[in-house]
N, C-alpha and C. Protein backbone atom coordinates (compact mmCIF):
# COMPACT_ATOMS: atom_id res chain seq x y z
N UNK A 1 -50.20 -36.41 -21.48
CA UNK A 1 -49.62 -35.79 -20.31
C UNK A 1 -48.93 -34.49 -20.71
N UNK A 2 -49.27 -33.40 -20.05
CA UNK A 2 -48.66 -32.10 -20.33
C UNK A 2 -47.44 -31.93 -19.42
N UNK A 3 -46.30 -31.63 -20.03
CA UNK A 3 -45.08 -31.41 -19.26
C UNK A 3 -45.10 -30.03 -18.63
N UNK A 4 -44.55 -29.92 -17.44
CA UNK A 4 -44.46 -28.63 -16.77
C UNK A 4 -43.25 -27.86 -17.29
N UNK A 5 -43.36 -26.53 -17.34
CA UNK A 5 -42.18 -25.74 -17.68
C UNK A 5 -41.44 -25.43 -16.38
N UNK A 6 -40.30 -24.79 -16.47
CA UNK A 6 -39.45 -24.58 -15.30
C UNK A 6 -40.12 -23.73 -14.23
N UNK A 7 -41.05 -22.84 -14.62
CA UNK A 7 -41.72 -21.98 -13.64
C UNK A 7 -42.72 -22.76 -12.80
N UNK A 8 -43.19 -23.89 -13.28
CA UNK A 8 -44.21 -24.67 -12.59
C UNK A 8 -43.62 -25.76 -11.68
N UNK A 9 -42.30 -25.93 -11.70
CA UNK A 9 -41.66 -26.96 -10.88
C UNK A 9 -41.58 -26.50 -9.43
N UNK A 10 -41.71 -27.42 -8.47
CA UNK A 10 -41.61 -27.03 -7.06
C UNK A 10 -40.19 -26.63 -6.70
N UNK A 11 -40.07 -25.74 -5.72
CA UNK A 11 -38.75 -25.32 -5.26
C UNK A 11 -38.06 -26.47 -4.55
N UNK A 12 -36.76 -26.44 -4.50
CA UNK A 12 -36.02 -27.44 -3.75
C UNK A 12 -34.82 -28.01 -4.49
N UNK A 13 -34.87 -28.03 -5.80
CA UNK A 13 -33.76 -28.60 -6.56
C UNK A 13 -32.70 -27.53 -6.79
N UNK A 14 -31.46 -27.96 -6.81
CA UNK A 14 -30.36 -27.06 -7.15
C UNK A 14 -29.90 -27.44 -8.54
N UNK A 15 -29.97 -26.48 -9.45
CA UNK A 15 -29.58 -26.74 -10.83
C UNK A 15 -28.51 -25.74 -11.20
N UNK A 16 -27.33 -26.24 -11.53
CA UNK A 16 -26.24 -25.36 -11.93
C UNK A 16 -26.28 -25.15 -13.44
N UNK A 17 -25.86 -24.01 -13.88
CA UNK A 17 -25.85 -23.69 -15.31
C UNK A 17 -24.40 -23.67 -15.80
N UNK A 18 -23.65 -24.70 -15.47
CA UNK A 18 -22.27 -24.82 -15.92
C UNK A 18 -22.05 -26.24 -16.42
N UNK A 19 -21.15 -26.43 -17.36
CA UNK A 19 -20.88 -27.80 -17.82
C UNK A 19 -20.48 -28.70 -16.66
N UNK A 20 -20.81 -29.98 -16.76
CA UNK A 20 -20.52 -30.90 -15.66
C UNK A 20 -19.03 -31.17 -15.52
N UNK A 21 -18.27 -30.97 -16.57
CA UNK A 21 -16.82 -31.18 -16.50
C UNK A 21 -16.12 -30.09 -17.29
N UNK A 22 -16.04 -28.86 -16.73
CA UNK A 22 -15.48 -27.74 -17.48
C UNK A 22 -14.03 -27.94 -17.91
N UNK A 23 -13.29 -28.79 -17.20
CA UNK A 23 -11.90 -29.02 -17.58
C UNK A 23 -11.76 -29.95 -18.78
N UNK A 24 -12.81 -30.73 -19.06
CA UNK A 24 -12.74 -31.73 -20.12
C UNK A 24 -13.80 -31.48 -21.17
N UNK A 25 -13.38 -31.19 -22.37
CA UNK A 25 -14.31 -31.01 -23.47
C UNK A 25 -14.70 -32.41 -23.95
N UNK A 26 -15.89 -32.82 -23.56
CA UNK A 26 -16.31 -34.21 -23.73
C UNK A 26 -17.13 -34.47 -24.99
N UNK A 27 -17.33 -33.48 -25.83
CA UNK A 27 -18.20 -33.65 -26.98
C UNK A 27 -17.52 -34.04 -28.27
N UNK A 28 -16.27 -34.42 -28.23
CA UNK A 28 -15.53 -34.71 -29.46
C UNK A 28 -15.94 -36.01 -30.14
N UNK A 29 -16.55 -36.94 -29.42
CA UNK A 29 -16.83 -38.25 -29.98
C UNK A 29 -18.28 -38.43 -30.43
N UNK A 30 -19.09 -37.39 -30.34
CA UNK A 30 -20.50 -37.54 -30.71
C UNK A 30 -20.67 -37.68 -32.22
N UNK A 31 -21.76 -38.29 -32.63
CA UNK A 31 -22.07 -38.43 -34.06
C UNK A 31 -23.17 -37.47 -34.48
N UNK A 32 -23.96 -37.00 -33.51
CA UNK A 32 -25.00 -36.02 -33.78
C UNK A 32 -24.90 -34.90 -32.75
N UNK A 33 -25.38 -33.71 -33.14
CA UNK A 33 -25.40 -32.60 -32.20
C UNK A 33 -26.66 -31.77 -32.44
N UNK A 34 -27.09 -31.02 -31.43
CA UNK A 34 -28.31 -30.24 -31.57
C UNK A 34 -28.11 -29.02 -32.45
N UNK A 35 -29.12 -28.77 -33.28
CA UNK A 35 -29.17 -27.53 -34.05
C UNK A 35 -30.37 -26.77 -33.52
N UNK A 36 -30.15 -25.55 -33.07
CA UNK A 36 -31.16 -24.75 -32.39
C UNK A 36 -31.85 -23.80 -33.36
N UNK A 37 -33.16 -23.92 -33.47
CA UNK A 37 -33.98 -23.02 -34.30
C UNK A 37 -34.55 -21.93 -33.38
N UNK A 38 -33.84 -20.83 -33.23
CA UNK A 38 -34.22 -19.77 -32.30
C UNK A 38 -35.61 -19.20 -32.59
N UNK A 39 -35.97 -19.15 -33.86
CA UNK A 39 -37.27 -18.56 -34.23
C UNK A 39 -38.46 -19.40 -33.76
N UNK A 40 -38.24 -20.67 -33.48
CA UNK A 40 -39.32 -21.55 -32.99
C UNK A 40 -39.39 -21.60 -31.46
N UNK A 41 -38.33 -21.23 -30.81
CA UNK A 41 -38.18 -21.41 -29.36
C UNK A 41 -39.14 -20.52 -28.56
N UNK A 42 -39.80 -21.13 -27.56
CA UNK A 42 -40.68 -20.37 -26.66
C UNK A 42 -40.00 -20.11 -25.31
N UNK A 43 -38.78 -20.54 -25.15
CA UNK A 43 -37.98 -20.35 -23.94
C UNK A 43 -38.66 -20.95 -22.70
N UNK A 44 -39.22 -22.14 -22.88
CA UNK A 44 -39.80 -22.87 -21.74
C UNK A 44 -38.69 -23.42 -20.84
N UNK A 45 -37.48 -23.53 -21.38
CA UNK A 45 -36.27 -23.97 -20.69
C UNK A 45 -36.28 -25.45 -20.30
N UNK A 46 -37.15 -26.24 -20.89
CA UNK A 46 -37.14 -27.68 -20.62
C UNK A 46 -35.84 -28.31 -21.10
N UNK A 47 -35.34 -27.87 -22.23
CA UNK A 47 -34.07 -28.42 -22.75
C UNK A 47 -32.94 -28.17 -21.76
N UNK A 48 -32.88 -26.98 -21.23
CA UNK A 48 -31.86 -26.61 -20.25
C UNK A 48 -31.99 -27.48 -19.00
N UNK A 49 -33.21 -27.69 -18.55
CA UNK A 49 -33.46 -28.46 -17.34
C UNK A 49 -33.08 -29.92 -17.51
N UNK A 50 -33.38 -30.51 -18.66
CA UNK A 50 -33.16 -31.94 -18.87
C UNK A 50 -31.77 -32.29 -19.40
N UNK A 51 -31.01 -31.34 -19.91
CA UNK A 51 -29.69 -31.64 -20.45
C UNK A 51 -28.79 -32.21 -19.36
N UNK A 52 -28.30 -33.45 -19.53
CA UNK A 52 -27.49 -34.07 -18.48
C UNK A 52 -26.08 -33.49 -18.37
N UNK A 53 -25.66 -32.71 -19.34
CA UNK A 53 -24.30 -32.17 -19.32
C UNK A 53 -24.24 -30.64 -19.24
N UNK A 54 -25.37 -30.01 -18.96
CA UNK A 54 -25.43 -28.54 -18.81
C UNK A 54 -24.82 -27.82 -20.01
N UNK A 55 -25.16 -28.29 -21.19
CA UNK A 55 -24.63 -27.73 -22.44
C UNK A 55 -25.32 -26.41 -22.79
N UNK A 56 -26.57 -26.27 -22.38
CA UNK A 56 -27.38 -25.11 -22.77
C UNK A 56 -27.24 -24.02 -21.72
N UNK A 57 -26.89 -22.82 -22.16
CA UNK A 57 -26.77 -21.70 -21.23
C UNK A 57 -27.97 -20.77 -21.40
N UNK A 58 -28.32 -20.12 -20.31
CA UNK A 58 -29.49 -19.24 -20.27
C UNK A 58 -29.05 -17.86 -19.82
N UNK A 59 -29.59 -16.84 -20.46
CA UNK A 59 -29.37 -15.44 -20.08
C UNK A 59 -30.70 -14.74 -20.07
N UNK A 60 -31.01 -14.05 -19.00
CA UNK A 60 -32.28 -13.32 -18.88
C UNK A 60 -33.48 -14.21 -19.14
N UNK A 61 -33.44 -15.43 -18.60
CA UNK A 61 -34.53 -16.40 -18.70
C UNK A 61 -34.82 -16.85 -20.13
N UNK A 62 -33.79 -16.77 -20.99
CA UNK A 62 -33.92 -17.21 -22.38
C UNK A 62 -32.70 -18.04 -22.76
N UNK A 63 -32.90 -18.98 -23.69
CA UNK A 63 -31.79 -19.79 -24.19
C UNK A 63 -30.77 -18.84 -24.82
N UNK A 64 -29.51 -19.01 -24.44
CA UNK A 64 -28.46 -18.14 -24.96
C UNK A 64 -27.61 -18.88 -25.99
N UNK A 65 -26.95 -19.95 -25.56
CA UNK A 65 -26.04 -20.65 -26.46
C UNK A 65 -25.93 -22.11 -26.04
N UNK A 66 -25.59 -22.97 -27.00
CA UNK A 66 -25.30 -24.37 -26.74
C UNK A 66 -23.78 -24.54 -26.75
N UNK A 67 -23.22 -25.05 -25.68
CA UNK A 67 -21.77 -25.28 -25.58
C UNK A 67 -21.48 -26.65 -26.17
N UNK A 68 -21.38 -26.72 -27.48
CA UNK A 68 -21.28 -28.00 -28.18
C UNK A 68 -20.02 -28.79 -27.87
N UNK A 69 -18.99 -28.14 -27.37
CA UNK A 69 -17.77 -28.87 -27.01
C UNK A 69 -18.00 -29.80 -25.82
N UNK A 70 -19.11 -29.62 -25.09
CA UNK A 70 -19.46 -30.50 -23.98
C UNK A 70 -20.61 -31.44 -24.31
N UNK A 71 -21.25 -31.25 -25.44
CA UNK A 71 -22.42 -32.05 -25.83
C UNK A 71 -21.98 -33.43 -26.29
N UNK A 72 -22.65 -34.46 -25.76
CA UNK A 72 -22.34 -35.84 -26.13
C UNK A 72 -23.31 -36.38 -27.19
N UNK A 73 -24.28 -35.55 -27.61
CA UNK A 73 -25.18 -35.94 -28.68
C UNK A 73 -26.30 -36.88 -28.27
N UNK A 74 -26.71 -36.85 -27.02
CA UNK A 74 -27.74 -37.78 -26.54
C UNK A 74 -29.12 -37.50 -27.13
N UNK A 75 -29.41 -36.24 -27.47
CA UNK A 75 -30.69 -35.91 -28.09
C UNK A 75 -31.83 -35.66 -27.13
N UNK A 76 -31.58 -35.67 -25.83
CA UNK A 76 -32.64 -35.43 -24.85
C UNK A 76 -33.26 -34.05 -25.07
N UNK A 77 -32.46 -33.05 -25.36
CA UNK A 77 -32.97 -31.70 -25.56
C UNK A 77 -33.97 -31.65 -26.71
N UNK A 78 -33.66 -32.32 -27.80
CA UNK A 78 -34.55 -32.35 -28.96
C UNK A 78 -35.83 -33.11 -28.65
N UNK A 79 -35.71 -34.19 -27.92
CA UNK A 79 -36.87 -35.03 -27.59
C UNK A 79 -37.83 -34.30 -26.66
N UNK A 80 -37.31 -33.54 -25.71
CA UNK A 80 -38.14 -32.88 -24.70
C UNK A 80 -38.74 -31.56 -25.21
N UNK A 81 -38.20 -30.98 -26.26
CA UNK A 81 -38.67 -29.68 -26.75
C UNK A 81 -40.10 -29.78 -27.29
N UNK A 82 -41.05 -29.06 -26.67
CA UNK A 82 -42.44 -29.16 -27.09
C UNK A 82 -42.76 -28.50 -28.42
N UNK A 83 -41.87 -27.65 -28.94
CA UNK A 83 -42.14 -26.94 -30.20
C UNK A 83 -41.15 -27.30 -31.30
N UNK A 84 -40.38 -28.37 -31.10
CA UNK A 84 -39.40 -28.84 -32.09
C UNK A 84 -38.42 -27.76 -32.52
N UNK A 85 -37.94 -26.99 -31.54
CA UNK A 85 -36.96 -25.93 -31.84
C UNK A 85 -35.53 -26.47 -31.86
N UNK A 86 -35.37 -27.74 -31.53
CA UNK A 86 -34.04 -28.36 -31.52
C UNK A 86 -34.10 -29.61 -32.40
N UNK A 87 -33.15 -29.67 -33.30
CA UNK A 87 -33.08 -30.79 -34.25
C UNK A 87 -31.69 -31.41 -34.12
N UNK A 88 -31.64 -32.73 -34.07
CA UNK A 88 -30.35 -33.41 -34.02
C UNK A 88 -29.85 -33.62 -35.46
N UNK A 89 -28.63 -33.16 -35.70
CA UNK A 89 -28.01 -33.27 -37.02
C UNK A 89 -26.70 -34.03 -36.91
N UNK A 90 -26.35 -34.69 -38.01
CA UNK A 90 -25.07 -35.39 -38.08
C UNK A 90 -23.94 -34.38 -37.90
N UNK A 91 -22.92 -34.77 -37.18
CA UNK A 91 -21.75 -33.91 -36.98
C UNK A 91 -20.94 -33.90 -38.27
N UNK A 92 -20.59 -32.70 -38.71
CA UNK A 92 -19.75 -32.58 -39.89
C UNK A 92 -18.29 -32.70 -39.48
N UNK A 93 -17.59 -33.58 -40.16
CA UNK A 93 -16.17 -33.80 -39.83
C UNK A 93 -15.29 -32.87 -40.61
């Protein structure tokens, strides 16, 4: 099954590009966090679309930054990335 990129999705959904809880930095308890390999990224934006906490920010239709203070370490972004541009790494204490 080929996954659709964000340009191929039907109109109708409202997707905000802000953390789900900007007042609360919820990423302090994670054990893993995403490491972004920019050189591999094709900017399909699937990671941005699937991230349940809106950790990934986009500028000019390209991945800009990961707001790790909101990341809970679920790994959905790494799993959905078709080019393995995101790797989950152990959090350094």
